[in-house]
Amino acid sequence: MKLKICLAGILALTASTFAAETPDEEALKNIIRAETECYYKADADGWEATWKHDAEVTRTFVDPSRCDRTVGWSGFGPETATYLKLGKPIPMELKQDHFIIRTGGNLAWVEYRQFLHSPGADPKDRRLSHEYRVLAKENGEWKIVSAITTDPEGFNPGPRSRETALNTVGYQLLGEKETKEAVEVLKLNASLNPTSSNAYDSLGEAYAADGDKALAIANYEKALALDPKSESSKAALAKLKQ
């Protein structure tokens, strides 16, 4: 009898593990994927359509050097949409897996792992993040009401976390218009990570913001020498050489 009960339990667990995806789970995954795909395709309307637009939505980024949380659609939605409308699509390969989905009524909680990778680039340059979304159903459609992005690799000791931390500080300084300080931080990052295309790409951006066109070009060229398929470096270099 005990054996039969044990076998029945194993069979039930196996059946639930491989159960077919429900329509809600499929819809949730589609909305989550569309949010990221539309962002990199510079599709502002598509990106906006994945979000609920009210004062309660939140967007949070967490890494070793920051925890930025914005509350309210007006705090990040219109600005992001404008950025996308002015920008150009960035080719990006996207993989999302390890989904954990919980639904209850018109609310859903989704956890998943996400990889972003430039087509043809060195696999080491892929970006891993752990993502969390809360979604609400409106008129039969799921909309994102809360998003949290965490950088798990940045919390691990080692060269990659050091590079990520310095790069983040550099961009924070750029955002605060402290361009010369940003250049110094990103110069250090490039010297510590001489094989990183991204480090030179960031340094090129800092030099461009500081008005040093020649050094901006030189560093973007170094970035391309390390990663000839970097679309961001190609675009920035073409713009500087116009």
Protein backbone atom coordinates (compact mmCIF):
# COMPACT_ATOMS: atom_id res chain seq x y z
CA MET A 1 0.00 0.00 0.00
CA LYS A 2 2.77 2.45 0.92
CA LEU A 3 4.54 1.70 -2.35
CA LYS A 4 1.36 2.37 -4.31
CA ILE A 5 0.84 5.69 -2.51
CA CYS A 6 4.46 6.67 -3.17
CA LEU A 7 4.19 5.83 -6.86
CA ALA A 8 0.91 7.71 -7.11
CA GLY A 9 2.56 10.77 -5.57
CA ILE A 10 5.49 10.62 -7.98
CA LEU A 11 3.15 10.29 -10.96
CA ALA A 12 1.05 13.24 -9.76
CA LEU A 13 4.15 15.39 -9.30
CA THR A 14 5.46 14.43 -12.73
CA ALA A 15 2.12 15.25 -14.34
CA SER A 16 2.00 18.68 -12.68
CA THR A 17 5.62 19.42 -13.60
CA PHE A 18 5.00 18.78 -17.28
CA ALA A 19 1.46 20.17 -17.37
CA ALA A 20 0.57 22.16 -20.44
CA GLU A 21 1.03 25.91 -20.18
CA THR A 22 -2.21 27.71 -19.38
CA PRO A 23 -3.49 30.55 -21.61
CA ASP A 24 -2.72 33.06 -18.83
CA GLU A 25 0.87 31.79 -18.47
CA GLU A 26 1.41 32.04 -22.22
CA ALA A 27 -0.06 35.56 -22.29
CA LEU A 28 2.12 36.66 -19.36
CA LYS A 29 5.28 35.38 -21.03
CA ASN A 30 4.32 37.10 -24.29
CA ILE A 31 3.81 40.48 -22.59
CA ILE A 32 7.09 40.17 -20.68
CA ARG A 33 9.02 39.25 -23.81
CA ALA A 34 7.36 42.05 -25.79
CA GLU A 35 8.45 44.63 -23.19
CA THR A 36 12.13 43.80 -23.73
CA GLU A 37 11.92 43.20 -27.48
CA CYS A 38 10.11 46.48 -28.12
CA TYR A 39 12.68 48.35 -26.06
CA TYR A 40 15.61 47.11 -28.16
CA LYS A 41 13.64 47.53 -31.39
CA ALA A 42 13.05 51.19 -30.40
CA ASP A 43 9.31 50.52 -30.68
CA ALA A 44 7.98 53.12 -28.24
CA ASP A 45 4.30 52.37 -28.86
CA GLY A 46 4.82 48.63 -28.43
CA TRP A 47 6.80 49.13 -25.23
CA GLU A 48 4.21 51.50 -23.75
CA ALA A 49 1.44 49.00 -24.54
CA THR A 50 2.95 46.43 -22.16
CA TRP A 51 2.60 48.73 -19.14
CA LYS A 52 -0.27 50.01 -17.05
CA HIS A 53 -0.16 53.82 -17.01
CA ASP A 54 -0.96 55.10 -13.54
CA ALA A 55 0.62 56.55 -10.40
CA GLU A 56 1.06 53.17 -8.70
CA VAL A 57 3.40 51.43 -11.17
CA THR A 58 7.08 51.03 -10.20
CA ARG A 59 10.38 50.37 -11.97
CA THR A 60 13.43 49.22 -9.97
CA PHE A 61 17.05 48.41 -10.88
CA VAL A 62 19.33 46.73 -8.34
CA ASP A 63 23.08 46.13 -8.61
CA PRO A 64 26.00 46.41 -6.16
CA SER A 65 26.28 50.18 -6.54
CA ARG A 66 22.65 51.26 -6.68
CA CYS A 67 19.01 50.57 -6.03
CA ASP A 68 17.00 52.93 -8.22
CA ARG A 69 13.24 52.83 -7.74
CA THR A 70 10.86 55.06 -9.67
CA VAL A 71 7.20 55.26 -8.65
CA GLY A 72 4.49 56.30 -11.11
CA TRP A 73 4.24 56.01 -14.87
CA SER A 74 4.96 59.73 -15.27
CA GLY A 75 8.33 59.21 -13.57
CA PHE A 76 9.78 56.95 -16.25
CA GLY A 77 7.23 56.06 -18.95
CA PRO A 78 7.09 59.23 -21.11
CA GLU A 79 10.87 59.78 -20.80
CA THR A 80 11.62 56.21 -21.89
CA ALA A 81 9.14 56.45 -24.79
CA THR A 82 10.78 59.67 -26.00
CA TYR A 83 14.22 58.03 -25.78
CA LEU A 84 12.98 55.12 -27.89
CA LYS A 85 11.38 57.38 -30.49
CA LEU A 86 14.65 59.28 -30.92
CA GLY A 87 16.82 56.16 -30.90
CA LYS A 88 17.53 53.38 -33.35
CA PRO A 89 16.90 49.65 -33.03
CA ILE A 90 19.73 47.70 -31.35
CA PRO A 91 20.12 44.13 -32.64
CA MET A 92 19.85 41.86 -29.64
CA GLU A 93 19.37 38.15 -29.07
CA LEU A 94 17.01 37.52 -26.16
CA LYS A 95 16.55 34.41 -24.07
CA GLN A 96 14.19 34.11 -21.10
CA ASP A 97 13.86 30.96 -19.03
CA HIS A 98 13.42 29.48 -15.52
CA PHE A 99 9.96 31.02 -15.20
CA ILE A 100 8.07 30.90 -11.91
CA ILE A 101 4.51 32.14 -12.37
CA ARG A 102 1.87 32.66 -9.71
CA THR A 103 -1.60 33.94 -10.55
CA GLY A 104 -4.57 34.87 -8.40
CA GLY A 105 -7.62 36.58 -9.81
CA ASN A 106 -6.47 39.57 -11.85
CA LEU A 107 -2.93 39.68 -10.45
CA ALA A 108 0.19 37.71 -11.41
CA TRP A 109 3.74 37.41 -10.06
CA VAL A 110 6.45 36.27 -12.48
CA GLU A 111 10.13 35.51 -11.83
CA TYR A 112 12.53 34.56 -14.62
CA ARG A 113 16.11 34.62 -15.84
CA GLN A 114 17.06 36.76 -18.84
CA PHE A 115 20.06 36.75 -21.18
CA LEU A 116 20.81 39.56 -23.65
CA HIS A 117 23.50 39.08 -26.26
CA SER A 118 24.59 41.07 -29.32
CA PRO A 119 24.43 38.85 -32.42
CA GLY A 120 27.84 37.37 -33.18
CA ALA A 121 29.52 38.92 -30.12
CA ASP A 122 31.76 37.02 -27.71
CA PRO A 123 29.52 34.84 -25.48
CA LYS A 124 31.35 36.27 -22.45
CA ASP A 125 29.74 39.63 -23.18
CA ARG A 126 26.20 38.38 -22.68
CA ARG A 127 24.22 40.13 -19.94
CA LEU A 128 22.45 38.02 -17.35
CA SER A 129 19.74 39.46 -15.15
CA HIS A 130 17.13 38.11 -12.78
CA GLU A 131 13.77 39.70 -13.49
CA TYR A 132 10.61 40.06 -11.42
CA ARG A 133 7.26 41.34 -12.69
CA VAL A 134 3.87 42.00 -11.16
CA LEU A 135 1.09 42.21 -13.73
CA ALA A 136 -2.59 43.12 -13.52
CA LYS A 137 -5.33 42.11 -15.94
CA GLU A 138 -7.22 45.02 -17.51
CA ASN A 139 -10.13 44.35 -19.87
CA GLY A 140 -8.84 40.83 -20.39
CA GLU A 141 -5.21 41.91 -21.10
CA TRP A 142 -2.19 41.63 -18.78
CA LYS A 143 -0.27 44.85 -18.09
CA ILE A 144 2.95 45.30 -16.12
CA VAL A 145 2.51 47.23 -12.88
CA SER A 146 5.88 46.55 -11.24
CA ALA A 147 9.28 45.54 -12.64
CA ILE A 148 12.50 44.72 -10.79
CA THR A 149 15.78 43.98 -12.57
CA THR A 150 18.72 42.60 -10.58
CA ASP A 151 22.30 41.96 -11.67
CA PRO A 152 23.30 38.71 -9.92
CA GLU A 153 26.80 38.57 -11.42
CA GLY A 154 27.61 42.01 -10.09
CA PHE A 155 27.31 40.71 -6.54
CA ASN A 156 29.90 37.99 -7.08
CA PRO A 157 33.56 38.87 -6.39
CA GLY A 158 35.76 38.91 -9.46
CA PRO A 159 36.78 40.95 -12.51
CA ARG A 160 33.31 41.01 -14.05
CA SER A 161 31.66 42.47 -10.96
CA ARG A 162 34.45 45.04 -10.67
CA GLU A 163 33.99 46.06 -14.30
CA THR A 164 30.21 46.32 -13.86
CA ALA A 165 30.55 48.43 -10.72
CA LEU A 166 33.02 50.89 -12.26
CA ASN A 167 30.96 51.14 -15.43
CA THR A 168 27.86 51.94 -13.38
CA VAL A 169 29.65 54.65 -11.42
CA GLY A 170 30.93 56.14 -14.68
CA TYR A 171 27.43 56.36 -16.12
CA GLN A 172 26.07 57.83 -12.90
CA LEU A 173 28.66 60.61 -13.21
CA LEU A 174 27.73 61.14 -16.85
CA GLY A 175 24.10 61.42 -15.82
CA GLU A 176 25.09 64.10 -13.31
CA LYS A 177 27.06 65.98 -16.04
CA GLU A 178 30.33 65.28 -14.21
CA THR A 179 32.00 64.34 -17.47
CA LYS A 180 35.65 64.74 -16.47
CA GLU A 181 35.14 62.59 -13.38
CA ALA A 182 33.30 60.04 -15.52
CA VAL A 183 36.26 59.93 -17.93
CA GLU A 184 38.66 59.20 -15.07
CA VAL A 185 36.52 56.37 -13.67
CA LEU A 186 36.00 54.81 -17.08
CA LYS A 187 39.71 55.18 -17.96
CA LEU A 188 40.48 53.15 -14.85
CA ASN A 189 37.89 50.58 -15.89
CA ALA A 190 39.43 50.21 -19.34
CA SER A 191 42.95 49.90 -17.90
CA LEU A 192 41.78 47.16 -15.50
CA ASN A 193 39.82 45.37 -18.24
CA PRO A 194 41.90 45.81 -21.42
CA THR A 195 40.09 42.99 -23.27
CA SER A 196 36.60 44.38 -22.65
CA SER A 197 34.98 45.99 -25.67
CA ASN A 198 32.26 47.42 -23.44
CA ALA A 199 34.80 49.22 -21.23
CA TYR A 200 36.25 51.08 -24.23
CA ASP A 201 32.78 51.74 -25.64
CA SER A 202 31.79 53.41 -22.36
CA LEU A 203 35.03 55.41 -22.26
CA GLY A 204 34.39 56.58 -25.81
CA GLU A 205 30.95 57.81 -24.76
CA ALA A 206 32.46 59.69 -21.81
CA TYR A 207 35.06 61.41 -24.00
CA ALA A 208 32.34 62.37 -26.48
CA ALA A 209 30.25 63.87 -23.66
CA ASP A 210 33.33 65.78 -22.47
CA GLY A 211 33.86 67.21 -25.95
CA ASP A 212 37.04 65.29 -26.81
CA LYS A 213 36.09 63.94 -30.22
CA ALA A 214 39.54 62.52 -31.09
CA LEU A 215 39.79 60.39 -27.95
CA ALA A 216 36.15 59.37 -28.28
CA ILE A 217 36.86 58.04 -31.79
CA ALA A 218 40.06 56.32 -30.63
CA ASN A 219 38.27 54.45 -27.86
CA TYR A 220 35.31 53.45 -30.00
CA GLU A 221 37.83 52.06 -32.51
CA LYS A 222 39.45 50.04 -29.69
CA ALA A 223 36.01 48.73 -28.74
CA LEU A 224 35.39 47.64 -32.33
CA ALA A 225 38.82 46.04 -32.60
CA LEU A 226 37.88 43.86 -29.63
CA ASP A 227 34.32 43.25 -30.84
CA PRO A 228 33.91 44.02 -34.57
CA LYS A 229 30.18 43.26 -34.37
CA SER A 230 29.34 45.80 -31.66
CA GLU A 231 26.41 47.75 -33.13
CA SER A 232 26.53 50.46 -30.46
CA SER A 233 30.22 51.20 -31.14
CA LYS A 234 29.63 51.23 -34.91
CA ALA A 235 26.73 53.67 -34.61
CA ALA A 236 28.59 56.01 -32.23
CA LEU A 237 31.72 55.99 -34.41
CA ALA A 238 29.75 56.74 -37.57
CA LYS A 239 28.06 59.67 -35.86
CA LEU A 240 31.38 61.09 -34.63
CA LYS A 241 32.95 60.83 -38.09
CA GLN A 242 30.13 62.65 -39.87
